[in-house]
Amino acid sequence: MLEDLGIPQPESGIAKSIYIALEKAEEIGIKRVLTGDGADGVFGGYSFLLPRNSEYEKFNFDVYCKTWSKKKGRD
């Protein structure tokens, strides 16, 4: 996407890439952008955050959210 906007792909993490793309989008008049960032964390896409037991049907969303919010290195 950045290359389509005439911006070279930065070497740093995804956050900087998104920031640059959103700045460019604003420059060319785009008012709203849907990226989907955060959906994995909210909807259980990260298996390393799931409870360590095999009882997934008893999954506790509140515990999951607390675990996710304390995970270091999550963007």
PDB file of N, CA and C in Angstrom:
ATOM      1  N   MET A   1       0.815  -1.183   0.000  1.00  0.00           N
ATOM      2  CA  MET A   1       0.000   0.000   0.000  1.00  0.00           C
ATOM      3  C   MET A   1       0.862   1.251   0.000  1.00  0.00           C
ATOM      4  N   LEU A   2       1.916   1.264   0.816  1.00  0.00           N
ATOM      5  CA  LEU A   2       2.774   2.442   0.856  1.00  0.00           C
ATOM      6  C   LEU A   2       3.419   2.703  -0.494  1.00  0.00           C
ATOM      7  N   GLU A   3       3.831   1.629  -1.171  1.00  0.00           N
ATOM      8  CA  GLU A   3       4.433   1.802  -2.487  1.00  0.00           C
ATOM      9  C   GLU A   3       3.427   2.383  -3.471  1.00  0.00           C
ATOM     10  N   ASP A   4       2.151   2.002  -3.354  1.00  0.00           N
ATOM     11  CA  ASP A   4       1.106   2.554  -4.207  1.00  0.00           C
ATOM     12  C   ASP A   4       0.939   4.050  -3.992  1.00  0.00           C
ATOM     13  N   LEU A   5       1.243   4.529  -2.784  1.00  0.00           N
ATOM     14  CA  LEU A   5       1.134   5.951  -2.469  1.00  0.00           C
ATOM     15  C   LEU A   5       2.429   6.705  -2.754  1.00  0.00           C
ATOM     16  N   GLY A   6       3.428   6.019  -3.287  1.00  0.00           N
ATOM     17  CA  GLY A   6       4.694   6.667  -3.605  1.00  0.00           C
ATOM     18  C   GLY A   6       5.622   6.811  -2.418  1.00  0.00           C
ATOM     19  N   ILE A   7       5.431   6.008  -1.392  1.00  0.00           N
ATOM     20  CA  ILE A   7       6.263   6.060  -0.192  1.00  0.00           C
ATOM     21  C   ILE A   7       7.063   4.768  -0.113  1.00  0.00           C
ATOM     22  N   PRO A   8       8.392   4.849   0.035  1.00  0.00           N
ATOM     23  CA  PRO A   8       9.160   3.607   0.188  1.00  0.00           C
ATOM     24  C   PRO A   8       8.775   2.887   1.478  1.00  0.00           C
ATOM     25  N   GLN A   9       8.811   1.565   1.446  1.00  0.00           N
ATOM     26  CA  GLN A   9       8.448   0.764   2.619  1.00  0.00           C
ATOM     27  C   GLN A   9       9.488   0.951   3.716  1.00  0.00           C
ATOM     28  N   PRO A  10       9.104   1.461   4.880  1.00  0.00           N
ATOM     29  CA  PRO A  10      10.073   1.641   5.967  1.00  0.00           C
ATOM     30  C   PRO A  10      10.520   0.303   6.554  1.00  0.00           C
ATOM     31  N   GLU A  11      11.680   0.313   7.174  1.00  0.00           N
ATOM     32  CA  GLU A  11      12.246  -0.908   7.742  1.00  0.00           C
ATOM     33  C   GLU A  11      11.740  -1.195   9.160  1.00  0.00           C
ATOM     34  N   SER A  12      11.106  -0.229   9.781  1.00  0.00           N
ATOM     35  CA  SER A  12      10.669  -0.420  11.169  1.00  0.00           C
ATOM     36  C   SER A  12       9.357  -1.186  11.242  1.00  0.00           C
ATOM     37  N   GLY A  13       8.805  -1.284  12.447  1.00  0.00           N
ATOM     38  CA  GLY A  13       7.603  -2.071  12.690  1.00  0.00           C
ATOM     39  C   GLY A  13       6.366  -1.573  11.975  1.00  0.00           C
ATOM     40  N   ILE A  14       5.302  -2.313  12.136  1.00  0.00           N
ATOM     41  CA  ILE A  14       4.065  -2.025  11.419  1.00  0.00           C
ATOM     42  C   ILE A  14       3.438  -0.698  11.841  1.00  0.00           C
ATOM     43  N   ALA A  15       3.614  -0.297  13.082  1.00  0.00           N
ATOM     44  CA  ALA A  15       2.998   0.942  13.556  1.00  0.00           C
ATOM     45  C   ALA A  15       3.482   2.145  12.756  1.00  0.00           C
ATOM     46  N   LYS A  16       4.771   2.202  12.483  1.00  0.00           N
ATOM     47  CA  LYS A  16       5.308   3.327  11.719  1.00  0.00           C
ATOM     48  C   LYS A  16       4.790   3.305  10.284  1.00  0.00           C
ATOM     49  N   SER A  17       4.689   2.133   9.703  1.00  0.00           N
ATOM     50  CA  SER A  17       4.163   2.009   8.345  1.00  0.00           C
ATOM     51  C   SER A  17       2.733   2.520   8.271  1.00  0.00           C
ATOM     52  N   ILE A  18       1.929   2.135   9.243  1.00  0.00           N
ATOM     53  CA  ILE A  18       0.535   2.577   9.268  1.00  0.00           C
ATOM     54  C   ILE A  18       0.463   4.084   9.472  1.00  0.00           C
ATOM     55  N   TYR A  19       1.280   4.615  10.353  1.00  0.00           N
ATOM     56  CA  TYR A  19       1.294   6.055  10.606  1.00  0.00           C
ATOM     57  C   TYR A  19       1.607   6.828   9.330  1.00  0.00           C
ATOM     58  N   ILE A  20       2.625   6.419   8.616  1.00  0.00           N
ATOM     59  CA  ILE A  20       3.011   7.099   7.376  1.00  0.00           C
ATOM     60  C   ILE A  20       1.894   7.006   6.340  1.00  0.00           C
ATOM     61  N   ALA A  21       1.307   5.824   6.208  1.00  0.00           N
ATOM     62  CA  ALA A  21       0.214   5.641   5.243  1.00  0.00           C
ATOM     63  C   ALA A  21      -0.984   6.515   5.597  1.00  0.00           C
ATOM     64  N   LEU A  22      -1.292   6.618   6.883  1.00  0.00           N
ATOM     65  CA  LEU A  22      -2.424   7.443   7.298  1.00  0.00           C
ATOM     66  C   LEU A  22      -2.151   8.926   7.093  1.00  0.00           C
ATOM     67  N   GLU A  23      -0.916   9.354   7.303  1.00  0.00           N
ATOM     68  CA  GLU A  23      -0.557  10.745   7.002  1.00  0.00           C
ATOM     69  C   GLU A  23      -0.768  11.041   5.520  1.00  0.00           C
ATOM     70  N   LYS A  24      -0.309  10.142   4.658  1.00  0.00           N
ATOM     71  CA  LYS A  24      -0.465  10.318   3.213  1.00  0.00           C
ATOM     72  C   LYS A  24      -1.945  10.306   2.826  1.00  0.00           C
ATOM     73  N   ALA A  25      -2.710   9.411   3.425  1.00  0.00           N
ATOM     74  CA  ALA A  25      -4.148   9.350   3.143  1.00  0.00           C
ATOM     75  C   ALA A  25      -4.814  10.679   3.494  1.00  0.00           C
ATOM     76  N   GLU A  26      -4.434  11.254   4.622  1.00  0.00           N
ATOM     77  CA  GLU A  26      -4.988  12.551   5.015  1.00  0.00           C
ATOM     78  C   GLU A  26      -4.609  13.638   4.011  1.00  0.00           C
ATOM     79  N   GLU A  27      -3.365  13.629   3.559  1.00  0.00           N
ATOM     80  CA  GLU A  27      -2.900  14.607   2.568  1.00  0.00           C
ATOM     81  C   GLU A  27      -3.729  14.582   1.294  1.00  0.00           C
ATOM     82  N   ILE A  28      -4.139  13.391   0.875  1.00  0.00           N
ATOM     83  CA  ILE A  28      -4.878  13.289  -0.387  1.00  0.00           C
ATOM     84  C   ILE A  28      -6.395  13.310  -0.179  1.00  0.00           C
ATOM     85  N   GLY A  29      -6.821  13.635   1.047  1.00  0.00           N
ATOM     86  CA  GLY A  29      -8.234  13.872   1.300  1.00  0.00           C
ATOM     87  C   GLY A  29      -9.058  12.703   1.796  1.00  0.00           C
ATOM     88  N   ILE A  30      -8.420  11.612   2.136  1.00  0.00           N
ATOM     89  CA  ILE A  30      -9.164  10.468   2.668  1.00  0.00           C
ATOM     90  C   ILE A  30      -9.541  10.778   4.114  1.00  0.00           C
ATOM     91  N   LYS A  31     -10.823  10.659   4.428  1.00  0.00           N
ATOM     92  CA  LYS A  31     -11.328  11.029   5.757  1.00  0.00           C
ATOM     93  C   LYS A  31     -11.387   9.862   6.738  1.00  0.00           C
ATOM     94  N   ARG A  32     -11.632   8.654   6.236  1.00  0.00           N
ATOM     95  CA  ARG A  32     -11.771   7.494   7.117  1.00  0.00           C
ATOM     96  C   ARG A  32     -11.023   6.300   6.540  1.00  0.00           C
ATOM     97  N   VAL A  33     -10.386   5.537   7.432  1.00  0.00           N
ATOM     98  CA  VAL A  33      -9.644   4.348   7.015  1.00  0.00           C
ATOM     99  C   VAL A  33      -9.949   3.225   8.004  1.00  0.00           C
ATOM    100  N   LEU A  34     -10.285   2.061   7.482  1.00  0.00           N
ATOM    101  CA  LEU A  34     -10.475   0.878   8.318  1.00  0.00           C
ATOM    102  C   LEU A  34      -9.283  -0.038   8.094  1.00  0.00           C
ATOM    103  N   THR A  35      -8.546  -0.341   9.156  1.00  0.00           N
ATOM    104  CA  THR A  35      -7.344  -1.157   9.000  1.00  0.00           C
ATOM    105  C   THR A  35      -7.498  -2.576   9.521  1.00  0.00           C
ATOM    106  N   GLY A  36      -8.344  -2.792  10.491  1.00  0.00           N
ATOM    107  CA  GLY A  36      -8.478  -4.123  11.080  1.00  0.00           C
ATOM    108  C   GLY A  36      -7.461  -4.397  12.173  1.00  0.00           C
ATOM    109  N   ASP A  37      -6.620  -3.417  12.478  1.00  0.00           N
ATOM    110  CA  ASP A  37      -5.629  -3.606  13.538  1.00  0.00           C
ATOM    111  C   ASP A  37      -6.315  -3.830  14.875  1.00  0.00           C
ATOM    112  N   GLY A  38      -5.823  -4.785  15.607  1.00  0.00           N
ATOM    113  CA  GLY A  38      -6.362  -5.091  16.918  1.00  0.00           C
ATOM    114  C   GLY A  38      -7.398  -6.195  16.931  1.00  0.00           C
ATOM    115  N   ALA A  39      -7.898  -6.570  15.772  1.00  0.00           N
ATOM    116  CA  ALA A  39      -8.947  -7.594  15.725  1.00  0.00           C
ATOM    117  C   ALA A  39      -8.464  -8.932  16.276  1.00  0.00           C
ATOM    118  N   ASP A  40      -7.232  -9.315  15.990  1.00  0.00           N
ATOM    119  CA  ASP A  40      -6.714 -10.584  16.509  1.00  0.00           C
ATOM    120  C   ASP A  40      -6.713 -10.591  18.030  1.00  0.00           C
ATOM    121  N   GLY A  41      -6.274  -9.494  18.613  1.00  0.00           N
ATOM    122  CA  GLY A  41      -6.225  -9.417  20.065  1.00  0.00           C
ATOM    123  C   GLY A  41      -7.599  -9.458  20.703  1.00  0.00           C
ATOM    124  N   VAL A  42      -8.565  -8.800  20.089  1.00  0.00           N
ATOM    125  CA  VAL A  42      -9.907  -8.747  20.650  1.00  0.00           C
ATOM    126  C   VAL A  42     -10.664 -10.049  20.439  1.00  0.00           C
ATOM    127  N   PHE A  43     -10.505 -10.658  19.272  1.00  0.00           N
ATOM    128  CA  PHE A  43     -11.307 -11.829  18.933  1.00  0.00           C
ATOM    129  C   PHE A  43     -10.578 -13.164  19.095  1.00  0.00           C
ATOM    130  N   GLY A  44      -9.484 -13.172  19.820  1.00  0.00           N
ATOM    131  CA  GLY A  44      -8.837 -14.436  20.175  1.00  0.00           C
ATOM    132  C   GLY A  44      -7.941 -15.024  19.115  1.00  0.00           C
ATOM    133  N   GLY A  45      -7.314 -14.207  18.305  1.00  0.00           N
ATOM    134  CA  GLY A  45      -6.468 -14.721  17.242  1.00  0.00           C
ATOM    135  C   GLY A  45      -5.067 -15.116  17.674  1.00  0.00           C
ATOM    136  N   TYR A  46      -4.685 -14.811  18.894  1.00  0.00           N
ATOM    137  CA  TYR A  46      -3.346 -15.128  19.359  1.00  0.00           C
ATOM    138  C   TYR A  46      -3.393 -16.345  20.276  1.00  0.00           C
ATOM    139  N   SER A  47      -2.943 -17.483  19.792  1.00  0.00           N
ATOM    140  CA  SER A  47      -3.037 -18.717  20.577  1.00  0.00           C
ATOM    141  C   SER A  47      -2.188 -18.676  21.844  1.00  0.00           C
ATOM    142  N   PHE A  48      -1.098 -17.893  21.854  1.00  0.00           N
ATOM    143  CA  PHE A  48      -0.250 -17.842  23.044  1.00  0.00           C
ATOM    144  C   PHE A  48      -0.941 -17.146  24.215  1.00  0.00           C
ATOM    145  N   LEU A  49      -2.068 -16.486  23.971  1.00  0.00           N
ATOM    146  CA  LEU A  49      -2.805 -15.839  25.045  1.00  0.00           C
ATOM    147  C   LEU A  49      -3.971 -16.678  25.562  1.00  0.00           C
ATOM    148  N   LEU A  50      -4.245 -17.780  24.901  1.00  0.00           N
ATOM    149  CA  LEU A  50      -5.339 -18.637  25.343  1.00  0.00           C
ATOM    150  C   LEU A  50      -4.980 -19.312  26.659  1.00  0.00           C
ATOM    151  N   PRO A  51      -5.987 -19.634  27.437  1.00  0.00           N
ATOM    152  CA  PRO A  51      -5.715 -20.361  28.686  1.00  0.00           C
ATOM    153  C   PRO A  51      -4.933 -21.641  28.392  1.00  0.00           C
ATOM    154  N   ARG A  52      -4.123 -22.066  29.322  1.00  0.00           N
ATOM    155  CA  ARG A  52      -3.257 -23.224  29.119  1.00  0.00           C
ATOM    156  C   ARG A  52      -3.979 -24.559  29.272  1.00  0.00           C
ATOM    157  N   ASN A  53      -5.245 -24.557  29.677  1.00  0.00           N
ATOM    158  CA  ASN A  53      -5.975 -25.818  29.799  1.00  0.00           C
ATOM    159  C   ASN A  53      -6.696 -26.133  28.488  1.00  0.00           C
ATOM    160  N   SER A  54      -7.260 -27.308  28.396  1.00  0.00           N
ATOM    161  CA  SER A  54      -7.918 -27.723  27.158  1.00  0.00           C
ATOM    162  C   SER A  54      -9.416 -27.443  27.167  1.00  0.00           C
ATOM    163  N   GLU A  55      -9.899 -26.730  28.162  1.00  0.00           N
ATOM    164  CA  GLU A  55     -11.329 -26.465  28.267  1.00  0.00           C
ATOM    165  C   GLU A  55     -11.675 -25.135  27.596  1.00  0.00           C
ATOM    166  N   TYR A  56     -11.527 -25.088  26.287  1.00  0.00           N
ATOM    167  CA  TYR A  56     -11.767 -23.846  25.563  1.00  0.00           C
ATOM    168  C   TYR A  56     -13.223 -23.386  25.655  1.00  0.00           C
ATOM    169  N   GLU A  57     -14.150 -24.319  25.882  1.00  0.00           N
ATOM    170  CA  GLU A  57     -15.553 -23.920  26.001  1.00  0.00           C
ATOM    171  C   GLU A  57     -15.801 -23.088  27.255  1.00  0.00           C
ATOM    172  N   LYS A  58     -14.871 -23.148  28.217  1.00  0.00           N
ATOM    173  CA  LYS A  58     -14.990 -22.350  29.435  1.00  0.00           C
ATOM    174  C   LYS A  58     -14.104 -21.103  29.356  1.00  0.00           C
ATOM    175  N   PHE A  59     -13.765 -20.704  28.161  1.00  0.00           N
ATOM    176  CA  PHE A  59     -12.891 -19.558  27.935  1.00  0.00           C
ATOM    177  C   PHE A  59     -13.444 -18.318  28.643  1.00  0.00           C
ATOM    178  N   ASN A  60     -12.621 -17.659  29.427  1.00  0.00           N
ATOM    179  CA  ASN A  60     -13.018 -16.477  30.174  1.00  0.00           C
ATOM    180  C   ASN A  60     -12.485 -15.238  29.458  1.00  0.00           C
ATOM    181  N   PHE A  61     -13.372 -14.507  28.802  1.00  0.00           N
ATOM    182  CA  PHE A  61     -12.962 -13.355  28.007  1.00  0.00           C
ATOM    183  C   PHE A  61     -12.297 -12.277  28.856  1.00  0.00           C
ATOM    184  N   ASP A  62     -12.780 -12.055  30.077  1.00  0.00           N
ATOM    185  CA  ASP A  62     -12.177 -11.046  30.952  1.00  0.00           C
ATOM    186  C   ASP A  62     -10.728 -11.386  31.283  1.00  0.00           C
ATOM    187  N   VAL A  63     -10.466 -12.645  31.595  1.00  0.00           N
ATOM    188  CA  VAL A  63      -9.097 -13.086  31.885  1.00  0.00           C
ATOM    189  C   VAL A  63      -8.233 -12.913  30.638  1.00  0.00           C
ATOM    190  N   TYR A  64      -8.774 -13.273  29.492  1.00  0.00           N
ATOM    191  CA  TYR A  64      -8.042 -13.120  28.232  1.00  0.00           C
ATOM    192  C   TYR A  64      -7.640 -11.663  28.015  1.00  0.00           C
ATOM    193  N   CYS A  65      -8.573 -10.739  28.209  1.00  0.00           N
ATOM    194  CA  CYS A  65      -8.285  -9.320  27.998  1.00  0.00           C
ATOM    195  C   CYS A  65      -7.205  -8.821  28.950  1.00  0.00           C
ATOM    196  N   LYS A  66      -7.262  -9.249  30.203  1.00  0.00           N
ATOM    197  CA  LYS A  66      -6.238  -8.839  31.166  1.00  0.00           C
ATOM    198  C   LYS A  66      -4.873  -9.395  30.776  1.00  0.00           C
ATOM    199  N   THR A  67      -4.833 -10.640  30.313  1.00  0.00           N
ATOM    200  CA  THR A  67      -3.580 -11.255  29.874  1.00  0.00           C
ATOM    201  C   THR A  67      -3.027 -10.511  28.670  1.00  0.00           C
ATOM    202  N   TRP A  68      -3.885 -10.217  27.719  1.00  0.00           N
ATOM    203  CA  TRP A  68      -3.465  -9.529  26.491  1.00  0.00           C
ATOM    204  C   TRP A  68      -2.905  -8.156  26.801  1.00  0.00           C
ATOM    205  N   SER A  69      -3.568  -7.416  27.698  1.00  0.00           N
ATOM    206  CA  SER A  69      -3.134  -6.051  27.984  1.00  0.00           C
ATOM    207  C   SER A  69      -1.782  -6.008  28.691  1.00  0.00           C
ATOM    208  N   LYS A  70      -1.378  -7.111  29.335  1.00  0.00           N
ATOM    209  CA  LYS A  70      -0.093  -7.155  30.033  1.00  0.00           C
ATOM    210  C   LYS A  70       1.022  -7.762  29.190  1.00  0.00           C
ATOM    211  N   LYS A  71       0.690  -8.260  28.000  1.00  0.00           N
ATOM    212  CA  LYS A  71       1.677  -8.917  27.140  1.00  0.00           C
ATOM    213  C   LYS A  71       2.666  -7.892  26.605  1.00  0.00           C
ATOM    214  N   LYS A  72       3.940  -8.090  26.891  1.00  0.00           N
ATOM    215  CA  LYS A  72       4.980  -7.181  26.397  1.00  0.00           C
ATOM    216  C   LYS A  72       5.251  -7.458  24.926  1.00  0.00           C
ATOM    217  N   GLY A  73       5.564  -6.416  24.189  1.00  0.00           N
ATOM    218  CA  GLY A  73       5.930  -6.558  22.790  1.00  0.00           C
ATOM    219  C   GLY A  73       4.753  -6.735  21.855  1.00  0.00           C
ATOM    220  N   ARG A  74       3.590  -6.279  22.237  1.00  0.00           N
ATOM    221  CA  ARG A  74       2.414  -6.426  21.378  1.00  0.00           C
ATOM    222  C   ARG A  74       2.183  -5.145  20.586  1.00  0.00           C
ATOM    223  N   ASP A  75       3.070  -4.781  19.722  1.00  0.00           N
ATOM    224  CA  ASP A  75       3.053  -3.546  18.930  1.00  0.00           C
ATOM    225  C   ASP A  75       3.376  -2.434  19.861  1.00  0.00           C
TER     226      ASP A  75
END
